[in-house]
Amino acid sequence: MAEEALTASEAARLVGVAVTTLRTWDRRYGLGPESRQTGKHRRYGPADLRRLAEMQRLVGQGVAPAQAAAWVLGRPIPAARRDGGGHAVAVGSAGPAVRGLTRAALRLDAAELRRIIGGALAQDGVVATWTELLAPALIHIGRKHAATGALVEVEHLISKEISVGLAATEWPSSAAQILLACTDEEQHSLALEALAAALAETGVATRLLGARVPPEALREAVRRAGPDIVVLWSQTRETAHVGQLTDVLAARPAAKLVLAGGPGWDGVRLPEAVRRPRSLAEAVGLVTGRQPIEASPSGVRR
């Protein structure tokens, strides 16, 4: 990351979120620039940018923003030059299960990864396993990669084994009325796979289109399937295409519920009818009707 201090708009662009998201993180969670000068525009330095990048990564893995901010402010990301260059991954207070999973990933031990992930899913269920084990492990490995540029192969292997584990969930035989898709050019689909598996556990079948669904393909899928609920995932601000949400809302017959999932939608003014889950558990609750729907007074869906 650049060493010079950046404006809010420059910092937002570099981290991959909207400027309004930075302001929200600052106002709600105190995640603003460390250095402030009265009467001058706020400037984000290297340490600020590392915290913001970590916040964006945590939220992208399904961690609630308040919890993510608490982790970021409590355990700042060390500068890359102090990271040491080794391949150990510190997991802090995440616990022995996360430590065991990350160690298996570092050894590229696919069999052990499969055993741990499968066992956790069978014992604790998808939501708890994603929130307490899988997402934290991905976060810590991703943090190490961001600091050193290493561990790409580790990230790829653990992501694949998580995907395999989630896909092994027993799927309902009923007709699927839920459509899950990533926005155009959005390649991060793992959280969407977790949602599909979590819904399957509740007896709700889904159609999972996966990553990088172009507008025309999404329109055709909605037309042909006529889903009751559509979830559109965006990991980064660049892939948060409001036009695709508008397309879904305009389809006939109309979907009963449209959800915008993922951190890419943070700070984006969404169509009035679109709901904005902030965690895997909340998304499951909205789809199954067990989660109340809230909207912020500003009109930006929460």
Foldseek 3Di string as FASTA:
>chain_A
DDADWAALCVLCVVLFAHSVLQVCCCVPQVLFAPDDDPPDGGTHGPQSSQLSNLLLLLLQLFDFSNVSSVVCVVDPQDALVPPPQDDDFDLDVLDDLQNQLLVCLSVVPLVSLLVSLLVCCVPPNLQCCSVRHVSSNLSRLVSNCVSHVDDPSSNVSSLVSLLVNLVPQDAAPDDAQEEEEEFAPAQDCSLVSSLQSRLRVVVHHYHYPHYHQYLVNLLVCCQVRVHQEYEYEDSGLVRPDLVSVVSQCPDPVHHNAYEYEYSNLVPPQHPQRYAYDRGSVQVSCVVVVNHDADQDPVNRHD
